[in-house]
Structures are given as C-alpha cells and as structure tokens.
C-alpha atoms as a PDB file:
ATOM      1  CA  MET A   1      -0.351 -48.389 -51.691  1.00  0.00           C
ATOM      2  CA  ASP A   2       3.253 -49.028 -52.994  1.00  0.00           C
ATOM      3  CA  PHE A   3       5.680 -51.867 -51.491  1.00  0.00           C
ATOM      4  CA  ARG A   4       7.567 -49.379 -49.165  1.00  0.00           C
ATOM      5  CA  ASP A   5       4.451 -48.845 -47.207  1.00  0.00           C
ATOM      6  CA  ARG A   6       4.414 -52.639 -46.186  1.00  0.00           C
ATOM      7  CA  VAL A   7       6.167 -54.026 -43.581  1.00  0.00           C
ATOM      8  CA  LEU A   8       6.968 -57.973 -42.869  1.00  0.00           C
ATOM      9  CA  VAL A   9       6.156 -59.082 -39.412  1.00  0.00           C
ATOM     10  CA  ASN A  10       6.483 -62.689 -38.399  1.00  0.00           C
ATOM     11  CA  GLY A  11       6.433 -63.520 -42.020  1.00  0.00           C
ATOM     12  CA  ILE A  12       3.283 -61.652 -42.433  1.00  0.00           C
ATOM     13  CA  GLN A  13       3.366 -58.787 -45.009  1.00  0.00           C
ATOM     14  CA  LEU A  14       1.252 -55.985 -43.322  1.00  0.00           C
ATOM     15  CA  SER A  15       0.608 -52.281 -44.430  1.00  0.00           C
ATOM     16  CA  ALA A  16       2.106 -49.656 -42.247  1.00  0.00           C
ATOM     17  CA  ASN A  17      -1.672 -48.800 -40.728  1.00  0.00           C
ATOM     18  CA  GLU A  18      -2.004 -52.373 -39.814  1.00  0.00           C
ATOM     19  CA  THR A  19       1.157 -52.367 -37.557  1.00  0.00           C
ATOM     20  CA  SER A  20       0.770 -48.949 -35.894  1.00  0.00           C
ATOM     21  CA  MET A  21      -1.649 -50.484 -33.538  1.00  0.00           C
ATOM     22  CA  MET A  22      -0.248 -54.006 -33.139  1.00  0.00           C
ATOM     23  CA  SER A  23       0.254 -55.479 -29.708  1.00  0.00           C
ATOM     24  CA  TYR A  24       2.784 -58.304 -28.797  1.00  0.00           C
ATOM     25  CA  ASN A  25       3.075 -60.180 -25.381  1.00  0.00           C
ATOM     26  CA  LEU A  26       4.125 -57.238 -23.594  1.00  0.00           C
ATOM     27  CA  SER A  27       5.457 -57.555 -19.943  1.00  0.00           C
ATOM     28  CA  SER A  28       3.618 -55.412 -17.237  1.00  0.00           C
ATOM     29  CA  THR A  29       7.025 -53.424 -17.008  1.00  0.00           C
ATOM     30  CA  VAL A  30       7.046 -52.851 -20.867  1.00  0.00           C
ATOM     31  CA  GLU A  31       3.443 -51.714 -20.838  1.00  0.00           C
ATOM     32  CA  VAL A  32       4.091 -49.287 -18.133  1.00  0.00           C
ATOM     33  CA  MET A  33       7.017 -47.925 -19.893  1.00  0.00           C
ATOM     34  CA  LYS A  34       4.905 -47.797 -23.112  1.00  0.00           C
ATOM     35  CA  ASN A  35       2.717 -44.976 -21.602  1.00  0.00           C
ATOM     36  CA  LEU A  36       5.789 -43.021 -19.719  1.00  0.00           C
ATOM     37  CA  HIS A  37       6.701 -39.725 -21.263  1.00  0.00           C
ATOM     38  CA  LEU A  38      10.192 -39.287 -21.114  1.00  0.00           C
ATOM     39  CA  GLU A  39      11.308 -35.388 -21.030  1.00  0.00           C
ATOM     40  CA  GLY A  40      14.521 -33.660 -20.506  1.00  0.00           C
ATOM     41  CA  ASN A  41      17.989 -34.699 -21.887  1.00  0.00           C
ATOM     42  CA  ILE A  42      18.190 -38.152 -23.459  1.00  0.00           C
ATOM     43  CA  ILE A  43      21.264 -39.614 -24.745  1.00  0.00           C
ATOM     44  CA  PRO A  44      21.036 -42.289 -27.362  1.00  0.00           C
ATOM     45  CA  MET A  45      23.390 -45.126 -26.671  1.00  0.00           C
ATOM     46  CA  GLU A  46      24.884 -44.648 -30.409  1.00  0.00           C
ATOM     47  CA  TRP A  47      26.527 -41.198 -29.506  1.00  0.00           C
ATOM     48  CA  PHE A  48      28.907 -43.177 -26.966  1.00  0.00           C
ATOM     49  CA  GLY A  49      30.077 -45.129 -30.054  1.00  0.00           C
ATOM     50  CA  HIS A  50      30.621 -41.953 -32.201  1.00  0.00           C
ATOM     51  CA  LEU A  51      31.791 -39.437 -29.571  1.00  0.00           C
ATOM     52  CA  LYS A  52      35.085 -40.354 -28.756  1.00  0.00           C
ATOM     53  CA  PHE A  53      38.614 -39.566 -27.909  1.00  0.00           C
ATOM     54  CA  GLY A  54      41.452 -40.819 -29.531  1.00  0.00           C
ATOM     55  CA  SER A  55      42.164 -43.107 -26.849  1.00  0.00           C
ATOM     56  CA  GLY A  56      38.617 -44.705 -27.631  1.00  0.00           C
ATOM     57  CA  LYS A  57      36.997 -43.353 -24.426  1.00  0.00           C
ATOM     58  CA  PRO A  58      33.437 -41.586 -24.936  1.00  0.00           C
ATOM     59  CA  ASP A  59      33.801 -37.653 -24.706  1.00  0.00           C
ATOM     60  CA  MET A  60      31.385 -37.376 -21.901  1.00  0.00           C
ATOM     61  CA  ASN A  61      31.841 -33.569 -22.088  1.00  0.00           C
ATOM     62  CA  ALA A  62      30.681 -33.437 -25.723  1.00  0.00           C
ATOM     63  CA  ILE A  63      28.122 -35.937 -25.270  1.00  0.00           C
ATOM     64  CA  LEU A  64      26.352 -33.833 -22.273  1.00  0.00           C
ATOM     65  CA  ILE A  65      26.554 -30.680 -24.220  1.00  0.00           C
ATOM     66  CA  LEU A  66      25.057 -32.413 -27.468  1.00  0.00           C
ATOM     67  CA  SER A  67      22.217 -33.983 -25.358  1.00  0.00           C
ATOM     68  CA  ASP A  68      21.511 -30.604 -23.915  1.00  0.00           C
ATOM     69  CA  ILE A  69      21.319 -28.685 -27.545  1.00  0.00           C
ATOM     70  CA  VAL A  70      18.904 -31.389 -28.712  1.00  0.00           C
ATOM     71  CA  TYR A  71      16.949 -31.023 -25.716  1.00  0.00           C
ATOM     72  CA  TRP A  72      16.487 -27.357 -26.333  1.00  0.00           C
ATOM     73  CA  TYR A  73      15.840 -27.764 -30.152  1.00  0.00           C
ATOM     74  CA  ARG A  74      13.101 -30.360 -29.608  1.00  0.00           C
ATOM     75  CA  PRO A  75       9.848 -28.945 -30.029  1.00  0.00           C
ATOM     76  CA  VAL A  76       6.883 -28.499 -27.350  1.00  0.00           C
ATOM     77  CA  VAL A  77       3.833 -30.082 -28.115  1.00  0.00           C
ATOM     78  CA  VAL A  78       0.745 -27.666 -27.709  1.00  0.00           C
ATOM     79  CA  ARG A  79      -2.290 -29.594 -26.502  1.00  0.00           C
ATOM     80  CA  ASP A  80      -6.112 -28.415 -26.486  1.00  0.00           C
ATOM     81  CA  GLU A  81      -6.782 -27.735 -22.811  1.00  0.00           C
ATOM     82  CA  GLN A  82     -10.354 -29.461 -22.709  1.00  0.00           C
ATOM     83  CA  THR A  83      -9.970 -32.328 -25.272  1.00  0.00           C
ATOM     84  CA  GLY A  84      -6.061 -33.112 -24.844  1.00  0.00           C
ATOM     85  CA  MET A  85      -5.693 -33.352 -28.609  1.00  0.00           C
ATOM     86  CA  VAL A  86      -2.643 -32.144 -30.121  1.00  0.00           C
ATOM     87  CA  ARG A  87      -2.804 -28.689 -31.765  1.00  0.00           C
ATOM     88  CA  GLY A  88       0.563 -27.919 -32.620  1.00  0.00           C
ATOM     89  CA  TYR A  89       4.268 -27.255 -31.768  1.00  0.00           C
ATOM     90  CA  ARG A  90       6.058 -24.469 -30.596  1.00  0.00           C
ATOM     91  CA  LYS A  91       9.900 -24.070 -29.723  1.00  0.00           C
ATOM     92  CA  LYS A  92      11.203 -23.691 -26.330  1.00  0.00           C
ATOM     93  CA  PHE A  93      12.689 -20.250 -26.586  1.00  0.00           C
ATOM     94  CA  LYS A  94      11.958 -16.784 -28.091  1.00  0.00           C
ATOM     95  CA  SER A  95      14.556 -15.941 -30.796  1.00  0.00           C
ATOM     96  CA  ASP A  96      15.700 -17.659 -33.590  1.00  0.00           C
ATOM     97  CA  LEU A  97      18.973 -19.116 -31.883  1.00  0.00           C
ATOM     98  CA  LEU A  98      19.064 -20.135 -28.245  1.00  0.00           C
END
C-alpha cells in the first residue's frame, strides 16, 4: 500500500478500506438522506459559479441544458433481479449518440 492509499481522519492515518465504512455521529435526517437514491437532473452548485453571463448572473438555460445532457449520459445500473447485486451498467439510449 502506498501513501496515496491512506487518508488522514481526525489526526489518525487510515487506509482507504478503513474509511469506506466509517460512521460518524449522524443526525436522523442525515441517516435517512444517506440511503436516498437521487435520480433525474442533479445540478452541482459549482455550475452556478462557472456558467455565467458577462454580467455575472448564472446562465440558467446553459445550466439546465448541461444537467439534462449529464443525466442522459449517466449509466443505468443493471441489478440481478433475485439478489439485487450490481451486474453491470448500460446506457439510457440505443444508438451511439442521444
């Protein structure tokens, strides 16, 4: 394991495997949100800072169009119907381009 596989958490150096299942003091709301699977167009807040008009206002049309494009190009998870385990991924549309 090399140093890039280690993470510093609260002053303690842990491997990436040790941090993957760590739980902190989560509120009940955060615990519920942890299990929520979001679908559809999701807009990262950073886009409002990057996609702007010359006046500095966010370009909402560009942001919404980009979020739609990103949604369609995100893969669909294919799960085994009996076990629920992830079998693979597929695209949302049939041809090469949307």
